[in-house]
C-alpha atoms as a PDB file:
ATOM      1  CA  MET A   1      40.709 128.143  38.135  1.00  0.00           C
ATOM      2  CA  LYS A   2      43.639 125.829  37.451  1.00  0.00           C
ATOM      3  CA  SER A   3      44.244 127.779  34.242  1.00  0.00           C
ATOM      4  CA  LEU A   4      45.415 130.658  36.483  1.00  0.00           C
ATOM      5  CA  TYR A   5      48.682 128.751  36.993  1.00  0.00           C
ATOM      6  CA  ILE A   6      49.243 128.635  33.238  1.00  0.00           C
ATOM      7  CA  ILE A   7      48.396 132.326  32.829  1.00  0.00           C
ATOM      8  CA  CYS A   8      50.609 133.484  35.714  1.00  0.00           C
ATOM      9  CA  PHE A   9      53.675 131.470  34.875  1.00  0.00           C
ATOM     10  CA  SER A  10      53.297 132.103  31.123  1.00  0.00           C
ATOM     11  CA  LEU A  11      53.379 135.816  31.928  1.00  0.00           C
ATOM     12  CA  VAL A  12      56.472 135.360  34.076  1.00  0.00           C
ATOM     13  CA  PHE A  13      58.230 133.266  31.404  1.00  0.00           C
ATOM     14  CA  SER A  14      57.355 135.719  28.637  1.00  0.00           C
ATOM     15  CA  PHE A  15      58.734 138.651  30.637  1.00  0.00           C
ATOM     16  CA  ALA A  16      61.912 136.725  31.407  1.00  0.00           C
ATOM     17  CA  VAL A  17      62.460 135.939  27.730  1.00  0.00           C
ATOM     18  CA  ALA A  18      61.869 139.570  26.823  1.00  0.00           C
ATOM     19  CA  GLN A  19      64.485 140.625  29.368  1.00  0.00           C
ATOM     20  CA  SER A  20      66.979 138.155  27.929  1.00  0.00           C
ATOM     21  CA  VAL A  21      66.442 139.248  24.341  1.00  0.00           C
ATOM     22  CA  ASP A  22      66.864 142.880  25.334  1.00  0.00           C
ATOM     23  CA  SER A  23      69.943 142.250  27.448  1.00  0.00           C
ATOM     24  CA  THR A  24      72.376 143.456  24.795  1.00  0.00           C
ATOM     25  CA  LYS A  25      70.867 146.938  24.903  1.00  0.00           C
ATOM     26  CA  ASN A  26      69.856 147.437  28.522  1.00  0.00           C
ATOM     27  CA  ILE A  27      71.143 146.773  32.007  1.00  0.00           C
ATOM     28  CA  SER A  28      68.459 144.869  33.845  1.00  0.00           C
ATOM     29  CA  SER A  29      67.941 142.035  36.323  1.00  0.00           C
ATOM     30  CA  PHE A  30      65.546 139.173  36.899  1.00  0.00           C
ATOM     31  CA  SER A  31      65.512 137.723  40.415  1.00  0.00           C
ATOM     32  CA  GLY A  32      63.261 136.192  42.994  1.00  0.00           C
ATOM     33  CA  SER A  33      62.168 133.010  44.694  1.00  0.00           C
ATOM     34  CA  VAL A  34      59.582 130.299  44.152  1.00  0.00           C
ATOM     35  CA  GLY A  35      58.597 127.795  46.801  1.00  0.00           C
ATOM     36  CA  PHE A  36      56.016 125.894  48.786  1.00  0.00           C
ATOM     37  CA  THR A  37      54.679 126.647  52.275  1.00  0.00           C
ATOM     38  CA  ASN A  38      52.456 124.865  54.757  1.00  0.00           C
ATOM     39  CA  ASN A  39      50.427 128.089  55.234  1.00  0.00           C
ATOM     40  CA  GLY A  40      50.254 130.921  52.721  1.00  0.00           C
ATOM     41  CA  PHE A  41      50.510 134.323  54.424  1.00  0.00           C
ATOM     42  CA  SER A  42      49.353 137.500  52.736  1.00  0.00           C
ATOM     43  CA  ILE A  43      51.547 140.589  52.380  1.00  0.00           C
ATOM     44  CA  ILE A  44      49.779 141.548  55.644  1.00  0.00           C
ATOM     45  CA  PRO A  45      50.634 138.444  57.684  1.00  0.00           C
ATOM     46  CA  THR A  46      47.473 138.358  59.808  1.00  0.00           C
ATOM     47  CA  PHE A  47      45.554 137.440  56.641  1.00  0.00           C
ATOM     48  CA  SER A  48      46.286 133.799  55.907  1.00  0.00           C
ATOM     49  CA  LEU A  49      45.081 131.182  53.440  1.00  0.00           C
ATOM     50  CA  ASN A  50      45.064 128.610  56.275  1.00  0.00           C
ATOM     51  CA  SER A  51      46.231 126.109  53.692  1.00  0.00           C
ATOM     52  CA  PRO A  52      49.450 124.925  52.000  1.00  0.00           C
ATOM     53  CA  ALA A  53      50.311 127.129  49.045  1.00  0.00           C
ATOM     54  CA  PHE A  54      52.699 127.720  46.177  1.00  0.00           C
ATOM     55  CA  VAL A  55      54.449 131.092  46.502  1.00  0.00           C
ATOM     56  CA  ALA A  56      56.457 133.202  44.090  1.00  0.00           C
ATOM     57  CA  ASN A  57      58.138 136.571  44.657  1.00  0.00           C
ATOM     58  CA  LEU A  58      59.723 137.849  41.457  1.00  0.00           C
ATOM     59  CA  SER A  59      61.453 141.059  40.419  1.00  0.00           C
ATOM     60  CA  PHE A  60      62.149 142.400  36.927  1.00  0.00           C
ATOM     61  CA  ARG A  61      64.248 145.517  37.412  1.00  0.00           C
ATOM     62  CA  LYS A  62      65.803 148.111  35.123  1.00  0.00           C
ATOM     63  CA  LYS A  63      67.617 150.967  36.843  1.00  0.00           C
ATOM     64  CA  LYS A  64      65.204 152.371  39.456  1.00  0.00           C
ATOM     65  CA  LEU A  65      61.996 150.875  38.088  1.00  0.00           C
ATOM     66  CA  SER A  66      60.825 147.338  38.834  1.00  0.00           C
ATOM     67  CA  PHE A  67      57.895 145.039  38.170  1.00  0.00           C
ATOM     68  CA  GLU A  68      57.432 142.568  41.046  1.00  0.00           C
ATOM     69  CA  PRO A  69      54.748 139.867  40.879  1.00  0.00           C
ATOM     70  CA  ASP A  70      53.792 138.422  44.278  1.00  0.00           C
ATOM     71  CA  ILE A  71      51.800 135.197  43.890  1.00  0.00           C
ATOM     72  CA  ARG A  72      50.238 132.868  46.477  1.00  0.00           C
ATOM     73  CA  LEU A  73      47.928 130.037  45.404  1.00  0.00           C
ATOM     74  CA  VAL A  74      46.660 126.887  47.096  1.00  0.00           C
ATOM     75  CA  PRO A  75      47.324 123.700  45.069  1.00  0.00           C
ATOM     76  CA  THR A  76      43.762 123.695  43.645  1.00  0.00           C
ATOM     77  CA  ALA A  77      44.008 127.431  42.734  1.00  0.00           C
ATOM     78  CA  GLU A  78      40.656 127.987  44.497  1.00  0.00           C
ATOM     79  CA  LYS A  79      42.118 130.464  47.021  1.00  0.00           C
ATOM     80  CA  GLY A  80      45.064 132.820  46.882  1.00  0.00           C
ATOM     81  CA  GLY A  81      46.379 136.211  45.926  1.00  0.00           C
ATOM     82  CA  LEU A  82      47.933 137.758  42.821  1.00  0.00           C
ATOM     83  CA  ILE A  83      49.703 141.088  43.328  1.00  0.00           C
ATOM     84  CA  TRP A  84      51.377 142.937  40.450  1.00  0.00           C
ATOM     85  CA  TRP A  85      53.724 145.497  42.037  1.00  0.00           C
ATOM     86  CA  VAL A  86      55.204 148.399  40.070  1.00  0.00           C
ATOM     87  CA  ARG A  87      57.895 150.041  42.201  1.00  0.00           C
ATOM     88  CA  TYR A  88      60.212 153.020  41.787  1.00  0.00           C
ATOM     89  CA  GLN A  89      63.293 153.794  43.888  1.00  0.00           C
ATOM     90  CA  LEU A  90      63.087 157.561  44.373  1.00  0.00           C
ATOM     91  CA  VAL A  91      66.250 157.665  46.511  1.00  0.00           C
ATOM     92  CA  ASP A  92      68.932 154.965  46.364  1.00  0.00           C
ATOM     93  CA  LYS A  93      71.874 156.147  48.441  1.00  0.00           C
ATOM     94  CA  LYS A  94      74.404 153.990  50.285  1.00  0.00           C
ATOM     95  CA  LYS A  95      72.545 154.371  53.575  1.00  0.00           C
ATOM     96  CA  PHE A  96      69.190 156.031  52.858  1.00  0.00           C
ATOM     97  CA  GLY A  97      66.540 154.831  50.459  1.00  0.00           C
ATOM     98  CA  LEU A  98      62.998 155.846  49.567  1.00  0.00           C
ATOM     99  CA  ARG A  99      60.711 153.629  47.489  1.00  0.00           C
ATOM    100  CA  VAL A 100      57.186 154.141  46.238  1.00  0.00           C
ATOM    101  CA  GLY A 101      54.966 151.570  44.627  1.00  0.00           C
ATOM    102  CA  THR A 102      51.490 150.705  43.464  1.00  0.00           C
ATOM    103  CA  HIS A 103      49.698 147.540  42.478  1.00  0.00           C
ATOM    104  CA  PRO A 104      46.465 145.988  41.359  1.00  0.00           C
ATOM    105  CA  ALA A 105      45.686 142.889  43.412  1.00  0.00           C
ATOM    106  CA  PHE A 106      43.318 139.995  42.868  1.00  0.00           C
ATOM    107  CA  THR A 107      42.245 137.879  45.848  1.00  0.00           C
ATOM    108  CA  LEU A 108      40.557 134.521  45.348  1.00  0.00           C
ATOM    109  CA  ILE A 109      38.120 133.547  48.116  1.00  0.00           C
ATOM    110  CA  ARG A 110      35.620 130.740  48.639  1.00  0.00           C
ATOM    111  CA  ARG A 111      31.996 131.657  49.345  1.00  0.00           C
ATOM    112  CA  THR A 112      28.562 130.053  49.146  1.00  0.00           C
ATOM    113  CA  ASP A 113      26.236 131.063  46.320  1.00  0.00           C
ATOM    114  CA  THR A 114      22.524 130.263  45.949  1.00  0.00           C
ATOM    115  CA  GLU A 115      20.911 130.146  42.512  1.00  0.00           C
ATOM    116  CA  ASN A 116      17.493 128.686  41.653  1.00  0.00           C
ATOM    117  CA  GLY A 117      17.243 127.204  45.138  1.00  0.00           C
ATOM    118  CA  THR A 118      20.604 125.425  44.847  1.00  0.00           C
ATOM    119  CA  THR A 119      23.456 126.390  47.193  1.00  0.00           C
ATOM    120  CA  LYS A 120      27.050 125.663  46.235  1.00  0.00           C
ATOM    121  CA  GLU A 121      30.523 126.880  47.106  1.00  0.00           C
ATOM    122  CA  ILE A 122      32.279 128.935  44.454  1.00  0.00           C
ATOM    123  CA  THR A 123      35.531 130.849  44.019  1.00  0.00           C
ATOM    124  CA  GLU A 124      35.170 134.630  43.755  1.00  0.00           C
ATOM    125  CA  MET A 125      37.847 137.099  42.681  1.00  0.00           C
ATOM    126  CA  LEU A 126      38.013 140.352  44.652  1.00  0.00           C
ATOM    127  CA  ARG A 127      39.887 143.295  43.105  1.00  0.00           C
ATOM    128  CA  PHE A 128      41.958 145.909  44.926  1.00  0.00           C
ATOM    129  CA  LEU A 129      44.199 148.862  44.136  1.00  0.00           C
ATOM    130  CA  ALA A 130      46.950 149.826  46.585  1.00  0.00           C
ATOM    131  CA  PHE A 131      50.026 152.001  47.038  1.00  0.00           C
ATOM    132  CA  GLU A 132      53.054 152.024  49.358  1.00  0.00           C
ATOM    133  CA  VAL A 133      55.705 154.428  50.655  1.00  0.00           C
ATOM    134  CA  VAL A 134      58.870 152.843  52.095  1.00  0.00           C
ATOM    135  CA  PRO A 135      61.753 154.861  53.641  1.00  0.00           C
ATOM    136  CA  SER A 136      64.791 152.845  54.773  1.00  0.00           C
ATOM    137  CA  TYR A 137      68.120 153.423  56.476  1.00  0.00           C
ATOM    138  CA  GLN A 138      71.035 150.971  56.415  1.00  0.00           C
ATOM    139  CA  LEU A 139      73.293 151.421  59.445  1.00  0.00           C
ATOM    140  CA  ASN A 140      75.907 148.900  58.241  1.00  0.00           C
ATOM    141  CA  ASN A 141      76.152 145.802  56.047  1.00  0.00           C
ATOM    142  CA  LYS A 142      74.219 143.725  58.580  1.00  0.00           C
ATOM    143  CA  PHE A 143      71.677 146.017  60.211  1.00  0.00           C
ATOM    144  CA  GLY A 144      68.986 148.248  58.752  1.00  0.00           C
ATOM    145  CA  LEU A 145      65.705 149.954  59.628  1.00  0.00           C
ATOM    146  CA  SER A 146      62.677 150.709  57.498  1.00  0.00           C
ATOM    147  CA  ALA A 147      59.026 151.689  57.625  1.00  0.00           C
ATOM    148  CA  MET A 148      56.238 150.882  55.199  1.00  0.00           C
ATOM    149  CA  TYR A 149      52.870 152.587  54.802  1.00  0.00           C
ATOM    150  CA  LEU A 150      50.476 150.534  52.698  1.00  0.00           C
ATOM    151  CA  GLN A 151      46.927 151.496  51.718  1.00  0.00           C
ATOM    152  CA  GLY A 152      44.526 149.311  49.753  1.00  0.00           C
ATOM    153  CA  ASN A 153      41.095 150.134  48.330  1.00  0.00           C
ATOM    154  CA  GLY A 154      38.454 147.607  47.301  1.00  0.00           C
ATOM    155  CA  LEU A 155      37.110 147.921  43.754  1.00  0.00           C
ATOM    156  CA  GLN A 156      33.788 146.162  44.459  1.00  0.00           C
ATOM    157  CA  LYS A 157      30.975 147.113  46.809  1.00  0.00           C
ATOM    158  CA  HIS A 158      31.335 144.066  49.056  1.00  0.00           C
ATOM    159  CA  GLY A 159      34.363 142.757  50.926  1.00  0.00           C
ATOM    160  CA  PRO A 160      37.079 144.992  52.465  1.00  0.00           C
ATOM    161  CA  GLN A 161      36.785 148.601  51.278  1.00  0.00           C
ATOM    162  CA  LEU A 162      39.676 150.482  52.882  1.00  0.00           C
ATOM    163  CA  THR A 163      42.766 148.988  54.520  1.00  0.00           C
ATOM    164  CA  ARG A 164      45.672 150.935  55.998  1.00  0.00           C
ATOM    165  CA  VAL A 165      48.750 149.387  57.618  1.00  0.00           C
ATOM    166  CA  LEU A 166      51.993 150.795  59.012  1.00  0.00           C
ATOM    167  CA  PHE A 167      55.006 148.479  59.360  1.00  0.00           C
ATOM    168  CA  LEU A 168      58.088 149.310  61.463  1.00  0.00           C
ATOM    169  CA  ASN A 169      60.827 146.922  60.358  1.00  0.00           C
ATOM    170  CA  THR A 170      64.292 145.827  61.430  1.00  0.00           C
ATOM    171  CA  ASN A 171      66.583 143.918  59.064  1.00  0.00           C
ATOM    172  CA  ILE A 172      69.405 141.810  60.497  1.00  0.00           C
ATOM    173  CA  THR A 173      71.198 140.043  57.656  1.00  0.00           C
ATOM    174  CA  ASN A 174      74.295 137.989  56.876  1.00  0.00           C
ATOM    175  CA  ILE A 175      74.528 136.411  60.311  1.00  0.00           C
ATOM    176  CA  GLY A 176      77.306 133.835  59.857  1.00  0.00           C
ATOM    177  CA  LEU A 177      76.518 130.436  61.380  1.00  0.00           C
ATOM    178  CA  SER A 178      79.361 128.560  59.695  1.00  0.00           C
ATOM    179  CA  LYS A 179      81.577 128.818  56.635  1.00  0.00           C
ATOM    180  CA  ASN A 180      78.630 128.248  54.259  1.00  0.00           C
ATOM    181  CA  LEU A 181      75.533 128.850  56.386  1.00  0.00           C
ATOM    182  CA  SER A 182      74.055 132.290  57.032  1.00  0.00           C
ATOM    183  CA  PHE A 183      70.875 133.536  58.632  1.00  0.00           C
ATOM    184  CA  ASN A 184      68.647 136.587  58.059  1.00  0.00           C
ATOM    185  CA  LEU A 185      66.179 137.880  60.642  1.00  0.00           C
ATOM    186  CA  PHE A 186      63.343 140.355  59.969  1.00  0.00           C
ATOM    187  CA  PRO A 187      61.369 141.436  63.086  1.00  0.00           C
ATOM    188  CA  SER A 188      58.491 143.846  62.519  1.00  0.00           C
ATOM    189  CA  ILE A 189      55.594 145.389  64.393  1.00  0.00           C
ATOM    190  CA  TYR A 190      52.614 146.650  62.445  1.00  0.00           C
ATOM    191  CA  PHE A 191      49.358 148.495  63.016  1.00  0.00           C
ATOM    192  CA  LEU A 192      46.401 147.500  60.861  1.00  0.00           C
ATOM    193  CA  TYR A 193      43.181 149.423  60.221  1.00  0.00           C
ATOM    194  CA  THR A 194      40.485 147.912  58.002  1.00  0.00           C
ATOM    195  CA  ASP A 195      36.913 149.180  57.658  1.00  0.00           C
ATOM    196  CA  GLY A 196      36.733 150.470  61.240  1.00  0.00           C
ATOM    197  CA  TYR A 197      38.561 147.539  62.849  1.00  0.00           C
ATOM    198  CA  ARG A 198      42.085 147.635  64.273  1.00  0.00           C
ATOM    199  CA  GLY A 199      44.840 145.165  65.089  1.00  0.00           C
ATOM    200  CA  ASP A 200      48.392 145.505  66.478  1.00  0.00           C
ATOM    201  CA  TYR A 201      50.857 142.707  65.731  1.00  0.00           C
ATOM    202  CA  LEU A 202      54.388 141.374  65.908  1.00  0.00           C
ATOM    203  CA  THR A 203      55.703 139.358  62.986  1.00  0.00           C
ATOM    204  CA  VAL A 204      59.174 137.799  62.696  1.00  0.00           C
ATOM    205  CA  THR A 205      60.645 136.085  59.649  1.00  0.00           C
ATOM    206  CA  GLY A 206      63.862 134.067  59.723  1.00  0.00           C
ATOM    207  CA  ALA A 207      65.611 132.646  56.652  1.00  0.00           C
ATOM    208  CA  LEU A 208      68.463 130.127  56.518  1.00  0.00           C
ATOM    209  CA  PHE A 209      70.773 130.135  53.461  1.00  0.00           C
ATOM    210  CA  HIS A 210      73.617 127.947  52.185  1.00  0.00           C
ATOM    211  CA  LYS A 211      76.168 129.810  50.072  1.00  0.00           C
ATOM    212  CA  LYS A 212      76.596 126.946  47.604  1.00  0.00           C
ATOM    213  CA  LEU A 213      72.918 126.024  47.216  1.00  0.00           C
ATOM    214  CA  PRO A 214      70.048 127.971  45.596  1.00  0.00           C
ATOM    215  CA  PHE A 215      67.595 126.815  48.280  1.00  0.00           C
ATOM    216  CA  SER A 216      66.613 128.529  51.527  1.00  0.00           C
ATOM    217  CA  LEU A 217      64.409 127.581  54.464  1.00  0.00           C
ATOM    218  CA  GLN A 218      62.184 130.354  55.786  1.00  0.00           C
ATOM    219  CA  SER A 219      59.741 130.587  58.680  1.00  0.00           C
ATOM    220  CA  THR A 220      57.367 133.358  59.789  1.00  0.00           C
ATOM    221  CA  ILE A 221      55.422 133.803  63.024  1.00  0.00           C
ATOM    222  CA  ASN A 222      52.621 136.308  63.563  1.00  0.00           C
ATOM    223  CA  GLN A 223      51.562 137.231  67.108  1.00  0.00           C
ATOM    224  CA  THR A 224      48.566 139.414  67.938  1.00  0.00           C
ATOM    225  CA  PHE A 225      49.010 142.089  70.594  1.00  0.00           C
ATOM    226  CA  LYS A 226      45.449 143.423  70.371  1.00  0.00           C
ATOM    227  CA  SER A 227      42.777 143.086  67.696  1.00  0.00           C
ATOM    228  CA  ASP A 228      39.033 143.375  67.094  1.00  0.00           C
ATOM    229  CA  ILE A 229      39.314 142.327  63.437  1.00  0.00           C
ATOM    230  CA  PRO A 230      36.765 139.564  62.639  1.00  0.00           C
ATOM    231  CA  ASN A 231      38.188 136.019  62.479  1.00  0.00           C
ATOM    232  CA  ASN A 232      41.543 137.203  63.824  1.00  0.00           C
ATOM    233  CA  GLN A 233      43.888 134.383  64.869  1.00  0.00           C
ATOM    234  CA  ASN A 234      45.981 135.083  67.951  1.00  0.00           C
ATOM    235  CA  PHE A 235      49.066 133.202  66.722  1.00  0.00           C
ATOM    236  CA  MET A 236      50.075 131.818  63.321  1.00  0.00           C
ATOM    237  CA  TRP A 237      53.237 130.356  61.810  1.00  0.00           C
ATOM    238  CA  ASN A 238      54.512 128.836  58.606  1.00  0.00           C
ATOM    239  CA  VAL A 239      57.577 127.215  57.055  1.00  0.00           C
ATOM    240  CA  THR A 240      58.566 127.758  53.418  1.00  0.00           C
ATOM    241  CA  LEU A 241      61.122 126.031  51.210  1.00  0.00           C
ATOM    242  CA  ASN A 242      62.317 128.444  48.512  1.00  0.00           C
ATOM    243  CA  TYR A 243      64.359 128.173  45.340  1.00  0.00           C
ATOM    244  CA  ASN A 244      66.244 131.470  44.824  1.00  0.00           C
ATOM    245  CA  PHE A 245      67.718 132.865  41.629  1.00  0.00           C
ATOM    246  CA  LYS A 246      69.158 136.035  40.130  1.00  0.00           C
ATOM    247  CA  LYS A 247      70.185 136.935  36.590  1.00  0.00           C
ATOM    248  CA  ILE A 248      71.969 140.147  35.610  1.00  0.00           C
ATOM    249  CA  TYR A 249      71.802 141.400  32.007  1.00  0.00           C
ATOM    250  CA  ARG A 250      74.507 143.902  31.086  1.00  0.00           C
ATOM    251  CA  LYS A 251      74.891 146.187  28.112  1.00  0.00           C
ATOM    252  CA  ILE A 252      77.168 144.877  25.376  1.00  0.00           C
ATOM    253  CA  ASN A 253      78.713 147.508  23.095  1.00  0.00           C
END
């Protein structure tokens, strides 16, 4: 399973090189963050690795189309998630936006397996296919609202089969703490339905940035309002140290 690291980051590096080589002909961007967290949260925060994890959120964008890998892996690569987003910005106005996206996802889980009378713990890869619809409205340069409908379907007969979730988000950004320090806050409530179970949650993410440094410190909490989802945890939190980057490639005549 450790070879997954090599595969994932080789793919990322190859795509980045391709973007750079093509930069004289196309306007494109490569941005994102890589970091380490004490507890890897899924894209749906109530699902957690319950373990420290390496995380990467990357974006390769050209005009309105983007490819956005979302990777979470524990240090041994025995558990985690690999999501390969393809997103398209249908509407990209100054205030109103509408994005659609789809992805295949691969979730690594640990389970016990018995063969020839011998029981051992193995890593299994579950496969999913999902789509999203995300309308957003930016009231000013510091405050915005958005919603996200996400639906995922399992591609194997066991494990989660159908998951639906609705997020209602608020974005409060560029909160000045000092000359060089700024803070972003992202409160959200969401309603989760998965295979007949339901959960209602509050999640809040805060991120601290320094204007002269590429690093940021981020923390997320997830609080359950009501849930009958198996193995649900009432309260979870994490802290993540990220390295952030962005490269713009412009057309050269």
